Amino acid sequence: MAILGEVGVNGWTVADVARHHDVTRQHIYQWRGEMRRKGLWPPDDAALFLPVEMTAAPEVTAEPGGPSAEITVMLRNGRQLRCPGGIGDAALVRLVRLLETA
């Protein structure tokens, strides 16, 4: 599954992946066909790892009437979601799902 998943990543073709793993292109096509027949290909989109940039947290000072902390989430479709830092997890998940499917 890992080898099949490399096709298309960073522009890699079936030939590139086959060459990298020292197998033939036909092997990759055969494996992909077998996985499709078993219902395992394409893999479930529920689990997806995305790169995350970690930066130092800014100092937050509580000023009455001042701006509050804000969360910015970059979505797969290129949209950005900005919301107050105190938003609950469930509400944030609902918003992300809504915007990714819209």
N, C-alpha and C. Protein backbone atom coordinates (compact mmCIF):
# COMPACT_ATOMS: atom_id res chain seq x y z
N MET A 1 0.83 -1.19 0.00
CA MET A 1 0.00 0.00 0.00
C MET A 1 0.88 1.25 0.00
N ALA A 2 2.00 1.19 0.73
CA ALA A 2 2.88 2.36 0.79
C ALA A 2 3.46 2.65 -0.58
N ILE A 3 3.86 1.61 -1.30
CA ILE A 3 4.42 1.81 -2.64
C ILE A 3 3.36 2.38 -3.57
N LEU A 4 2.16 1.85 -3.53
CA LEU A 4 1.07 2.36 -4.37
C LEU A 4 0.77 3.81 -4.04
N GLY A 5 0.86 4.17 -2.78
CA GLY A 5 0.57 5.53 -2.35
C GLY A 5 1.59 6.55 -2.82
N GLU A 6 2.76 6.11 -3.27
CA GLU A 6 3.78 7.04 -3.73
C GLU A 6 3.51 7.58 -5.14
N VAL A 7 2.67 6.88 -5.90
CA VAL A 7 2.36 7.32 -7.26
C VAL A 7 1.59 8.63 -7.18
N GLY A 8 2.08 9.64 -7.88
CA GLY A 8 1.43 10.94 -7.90
C GLY A 8 1.96 11.91 -6.88
N VAL A 9 2.68 11.43 -5.86
CA VAL A 9 3.23 12.32 -4.85
C VAL A 9 4.47 12.99 -5.44
N ASN A 10 4.53 14.30 -5.31
CA ASN A 10 5.64 15.10 -5.85
C ASN A 10 5.85 14.86 -7.34
N GLY A 11 4.76 14.52 -8.06
CA GLY A 11 4.84 14.33 -9.49
C GLY A 11 5.39 12.99 -9.93
N TRP A 12 5.58 12.05 -9.00
CA TRP A 12 6.13 10.75 -9.36
C TRP A 12 5.12 9.96 -10.18
N THR A 13 5.60 9.32 -11.24
CA THR A 13 4.77 8.47 -12.07
C THR A 13 4.92 7.03 -11.62
N VAL A 14 4.12 6.15 -12.22
CA VAL A 14 4.23 4.72 -11.93
C VAL A 14 5.65 4.25 -12.26
N ALA A 15 6.18 4.71 -13.37
CA ALA A 15 7.54 4.32 -13.77
C ALA A 15 8.58 4.78 -12.75
N ASP A 16 8.43 6.00 -12.23
CA ASP A 16 9.36 6.52 -11.23
C ASP A 16 9.33 5.67 -9.96
N VAL A 17 8.13 5.35 -9.50
CA VAL A 17 7.98 4.57 -8.27
C VAL A 17 8.52 3.16 -8.48
N ALA A 18 8.22 2.57 -9.63
CA ALA A 18 8.71 1.22 -9.93
C ALA A 18 10.24 1.20 -9.94
N ARG A 19 10.84 2.17 -10.58
CA ARG A 19 12.30 2.25 -10.64
C ARG A 19 12.89 2.43 -9.23
N HIS A 20 12.26 3.26 -8.44
CA HIS A 20 12.74 3.53 -7.08
C HIS A 20 12.72 2.27 -6.21
N HIS A 21 11.71 1.42 -6.40
CA HIS A 21 11.56 0.22 -5.57
C HIS A 21 12.04 -1.05 -6.27
N ASP A 22 12.64 -0.88 -7.45
CA ASP A 22 13.19 -2.00 -8.21
C ASP A 22 12.14 -3.08 -8.50
N VAL A 23 10.97 -2.63 -8.96
CA VAL A 23 9.91 -3.53 -9.42
C VAL A 23 9.48 -3.04 -10.80
N THR A 24 8.69 -3.84 -11.49
CA THR A 24 8.21 -3.41 -12.81
C THR A 24 6.94 -2.59 -12.66
N ARG A 25 6.65 -1.81 -13.70
CA ARG A 25 5.42 -1.03 -13.69
C ARG A 25 4.21 -1.96 -13.61
N GLN A 26 4.32 -3.11 -14.29
CA GLN A 26 3.22 -4.06 -14.29
C GLN A 26 2.89 -4.53 -12.87
N HIS A 27 3.92 -4.69 -12.02
CA HIS A 27 3.66 -5.08 -10.63
C HIS A 27 2.76 -4.06 -9.95
N ILE A 28 3.08 -2.80 -10.14
CA ILE A 28 2.31 -1.74 -9.49
C ILE A 28 0.86 -1.75 -10.00
N TYR A 29 0.68 -1.88 -11.32
CA TYR A 29 -0.67 -1.93 -11.87
C TYR A 29 -1.41 -3.16 -11.35
N GLN A 30 -0.72 -4.29 -11.26
CA GLN A 30 -1.33 -5.52 -10.77
C GLN A 30 -1.74 -5.36 -9.30
N TRP A 31 -0.84 -4.82 -8.48
CA TRP A 31 -1.14 -4.62 -7.06
C TRP A 31 -2.34 -3.68 -6.90
N ARG A 32 -2.35 -2.62 -7.70
CA ARG A 32 -3.45 -1.66 -7.60
C ARG A 32 -4.77 -2.34 -7.97
N GLY A 33 -4.76 -3.17 -9.02
CA GLY A 33 -5.97 -3.89 -9.41
C GLY A 33 -6.45 -4.83 -8.33
N GLU A 34 -5.52 -5.54 -7.69
CA GLU A 34 -5.88 -6.46 -6.61
C GLU A 34 -6.48 -5.70 -5.43
N MET A 35 -5.90 -4.58 -5.10
CA MET A 35 -6.41 -3.78 -3.98
C MET A 35 -7.80 -3.24 -4.30
N ARG A 36 -8.04 -2.85 -5.56
CA ARG A 36 -9.37 -2.36 -5.95
C ARG A 36 -10.40 -3.48 -5.82
N ARG A 37 -10.06 -4.69 -6.28
CA ARG A 37 -10.98 -5.82 -6.18
C ARG A 37 -11.32 -6.14 -4.73
N LYS A 38 -10.37 -5.93 -3.83
CA LYS A 38 -10.60 -6.20 -2.41
C LYS A 38 -11.25 -5.02 -1.70
N GLY A 39 -11.44 -3.92 -2.43
CA GLY A 39 -12.06 -2.73 -1.82
C GLY A 39 -11.11 -1.93 -0.95
N LEU A 40 -9.81 -2.14 -1.14
CA LEU A 40 -8.82 -1.43 -0.32
C LEU A 40 -8.17 -0.25 -1.04
N TRP A 41 -8.53 -0.04 -2.31
CA TRP A 41 -7.93 1.05 -3.08
C TRP A 41 -9.04 1.82 -3.76
N PRO A 42 -9.06 3.09 -3.76
CA PRO A 42 -8.12 3.98 -3.08
C PRO A 42 -8.33 3.92 -1.58
N PRO A 43 -7.28 4.22 -0.82
CA PRO A 43 -7.39 4.16 0.64
C PRO A 43 -8.43 5.15 1.15
N ASP A 44 -8.95 4.86 2.32
CA ASP A 44 -9.95 5.71 2.95
C ASP A 44 -9.36 7.09 3.21
N ASP A 45 -10.09 8.12 2.83
CA ASP A 45 -9.62 9.50 3.02
C ASP A 45 -9.79 9.99 4.45
N ALA A 46 -10.36 9.14 5.32
CA ALA A 46 -10.59 9.59 6.69
C ALA A 46 -9.28 9.90 7.41
N ALA A 47 -8.23 9.11 7.15
CA ALA A 47 -6.94 9.35 7.79
C ALA A 47 -6.03 10.07 6.81
N LEU A 48 -5.65 11.26 7.14
CA LEU A 48 -4.80 12.04 6.26
C LEU A 48 -3.81 12.82 7.10
N PHE A 49 -2.54 12.71 6.76
CA PHE A 49 -1.51 13.44 7.48
C PHE A 49 -1.13 14.65 6.65
N LEU A 50 -1.14 15.79 7.27
CA LEU A 50 -0.80 17.04 6.60
C LEU A 50 0.40 17.68 7.29
N PRO A 51 1.23 18.37 6.51
CA PRO A 51 2.37 19.04 7.15
C PRO A 51 1.88 20.19 8.03
N VAL A 52 2.58 20.38 9.12
CA VAL A 52 2.22 21.43 10.07
C VAL A 52 3.47 22.24 10.36
N GLU A 53 3.33 23.55 10.33
CA GLU A 53 4.44 24.42 10.69
C GLU A 53 4.27 24.86 12.13
N MET A 54 5.28 24.63 12.92
CA MET A 54 5.23 25.03 14.33
C MET A 54 6.00 26.34 14.47
N THR A 55 5.39 27.30 15.09
CA THR A 55 6.05 28.56 15.37
C THR A 55 5.93 28.85 16.86
N ALA A 56 6.74 29.74 17.32
CA ALA A 56 6.67 30.12 18.73
C ALA A 56 5.34 30.80 19.00
N ALA A 57 4.74 30.45 20.09
CA ALA A 57 3.45 31.04 20.45
C ALA A 57 3.66 32.50 20.83
N PRO A 58 2.85 33.39 20.29
CA PRO A 58 2.99 34.80 20.66
C PRO A 58 2.51 35.01 22.09
N GLU A 59 3.08 36.02 22.71
CA GLU A 59 2.65 36.34 24.07
C GLU A 59 1.26 36.96 24.00
N VAL A 60 0.39 36.45 24.81
CA VAL A 60 -0.98 36.95 24.82
C VAL A 60 -1.17 37.79 26.07
N THR A 61 -1.57 39.01 25.86
CA THR A 61 -1.85 39.88 26.99
C THR A 61 -3.34 40.16 27.00
N ALA A 62 -3.92 39.99 28.12
CA ALA A 62 -5.36 40.21 28.24
C ALA A 62 -5.62 41.68 28.50
N GLU A 63 -6.15 42.34 27.51
CA GLU A 63 -6.52 43.75 27.65
C GLU A 63 -8.03 43.84 27.52
N PRO A 64 -8.67 44.50 28.43
CA PRO A 64 -10.12 44.66 28.31
C PRO A 64 -10.47 45.36 27.01
N GLY A 65 -11.35 44.75 26.24
CA GLY A 65 -11.77 45.35 24.98
C GLY A 65 -10.76 45.21 23.87
N GLY A 66 -9.62 44.57 24.14
CA GLY A 66 -8.59 44.40 23.11
C GLY A 66 -8.88 43.18 22.25
N PRO A 67 -8.07 42.98 21.21
CA PRO A 67 -8.28 41.84 20.34
C PRO A 67 -8.02 40.52 21.07
N SER A 68 -8.79 39.50 20.74
CA SER A 68 -8.60 38.19 21.37
C SER A 68 -7.73 37.32 20.48
N ALA A 69 -7.24 36.22 21.04
CA ALA A 69 -6.43 35.28 20.27
C ALA A 69 -7.26 34.71 19.13
N GLU A 70 -6.59 34.39 18.04
CA GLU A 70 -7.29 33.88 16.86
C GLU A 70 -6.60 32.63 16.36
N ILE A 71 -7.39 31.67 15.88
CA ILE A 71 -6.87 30.44 15.29
C ILE A 71 -7.06 30.54 13.78
N THR A 72 -6.01 30.20 13.01
CA THR A 72 -6.12 30.15 11.56
C THR A 72 -5.84 28.73 11.12
N VAL A 73 -6.78 28.14 10.38
CA VAL A 73 -6.63 26.76 9.89
C VAL A 73 -6.60 26.83 8.37
N MET A 74 -5.54 26.24 7.76
CA MET A 74 -5.43 26.16 6.31
C MET A 74 -6.08 24.85 5.87
N LEU A 75 -7.08 24.94 5.03
CA LEU A 75 -7.81 23.76 4.58
C LEU A 75 -7.19 23.20 3.30
N ARG A 76 -7.48 21.92 3.02
CA ARG A 76 -6.93 21.25 1.82
C ARG A 76 -7.35 21.94 0.54
N ASN A 77 -8.52 22.55 0.52
CA ASN A 77 -9.01 23.18 -0.70
C ASN A 77 -8.46 24.60 -0.87
N GLY A 78 -7.51 25.00 -0.02
CA GLY A 78 -6.87 26.30 -0.14
C GLY A 78 -7.53 27.41 0.66
N ARG A 79 -8.68 27.14 1.23
CA ARG A 79 -9.36 28.14 2.04
C ARG A 79 -8.73 28.26 3.41
N GLN A 80 -8.97 29.40 4.04
CA GLN A 80 -8.50 29.62 5.41
C GLN A 80 -9.70 29.80 6.31
N LEU A 81 -9.61 29.22 7.48
CA LEU A 81 -10.66 29.40 8.48
C LEU A 81 -10.04 30.13 9.65
N ARG A 82 -10.59 31.29 9.97
CA ARG A 82 -10.12 32.06 11.12
C ARG A 82 -11.26 32.15 12.13
N CYS A 83 -10.94 31.84 13.37
CA CYS A 83 -11.97 31.88 14.40
C CYS A 83 -11.32 32.23 15.74
N PRO A 84 -12.13 32.63 16.71
CA PRO A 84 -11.58 33.00 18.01
C PRO A 84 -10.90 31.83 18.69
N GLY A 85 -9.86 32.12 19.45
CA GLY A 85 -9.09 31.09 20.13
C GLY A 85 -9.88 30.27 21.12
N GLY A 86 -10.97 30.79 21.63
CA GLY A 86 -11.75 30.08 22.62
C GLY A 86 -12.82 29.16 22.03
N ILE A 87 -12.80 28.96 20.72
CA ILE A 87 -13.83 28.12 20.09
C ILE A 87 -13.67 26.68 20.56
N GLY A 88 -14.76 26.00 20.76
CA GLY A 88 -14.73 24.62 21.22
C GLY A 88 -14.31 23.67 20.11
N ASP A 89 -13.76 22.51 20.51
CA ASP A 89 -13.30 21.52 19.54
C ASP A 89 -14.40 21.06 18.60
N ALA A 90 -15.57 20.77 19.14
CA ALA A 90 -16.68 20.26 18.32
C ALA A 90 -17.10 21.29 17.27
N ALA A 91 -17.17 22.55 17.67
CA ALA A 91 -17.56 23.61 16.74
C ALA A 91 -16.51 23.78 15.65
N LEU A 92 -15.23 23.69 16.02
CA LEU A 92 -14.16 23.83 15.04
C LEU A 92 -14.20 22.68 14.04
N VAL A 93 -14.42 21.46 14.51
CA VAL A 93 -14.51 20.31 13.61
C VAL A 93 -15.68 20.48 12.65
N ARG A 94 -16.84 20.92 13.15
CA ARG A 94 -18.00 21.14 12.28
C ARG A 94 -17.70 22.18 11.20
N LEU A 95 -17.04 23.27 11.57
CA LEU A 95 -16.72 24.31 10.62
C LEU A 95 -15.75 23.82 9.54
N VAL A 96 -14.72 23.07 9.95
CA VAL A 96 -13.75 22.55 9.00
C VAL A 96 -14.44 21.62 8.01
N ARG A 97 -15.25 20.70 8.50
CA ARG A 97 -15.97 19.77 7.62
C ARG A 97 -16.89 20.52 6.67
N LEU A 98 -17.58 21.51 7.15
CA LEU A 98 -18.49 22.28 6.32
C LEU A 98 -17.73 22.99 5.20
N LEU A 99 -16.62 23.64 5.53
CA LEU A 99 -15.88 24.38 4.53
C LEU A 99 -15.15 23.48 3.53
N GLU A 100 -14.74 22.30 3.95
CA GLU A 100 -14.06 21.39 3.02
C GLU A 100 -15.03 20.78 2.02
N THR A 101 -16.29 20.66 2.38
CA THR A 101 -17.26 20.05 1.47
C THR A 101 -18.04 21.10 0.67
N ALA A 102 -17.93 22.35 1.03
CA ALA A 102 -18.70 23.41 0.33
C ALA A 102 -18.11 23.70 -1.03
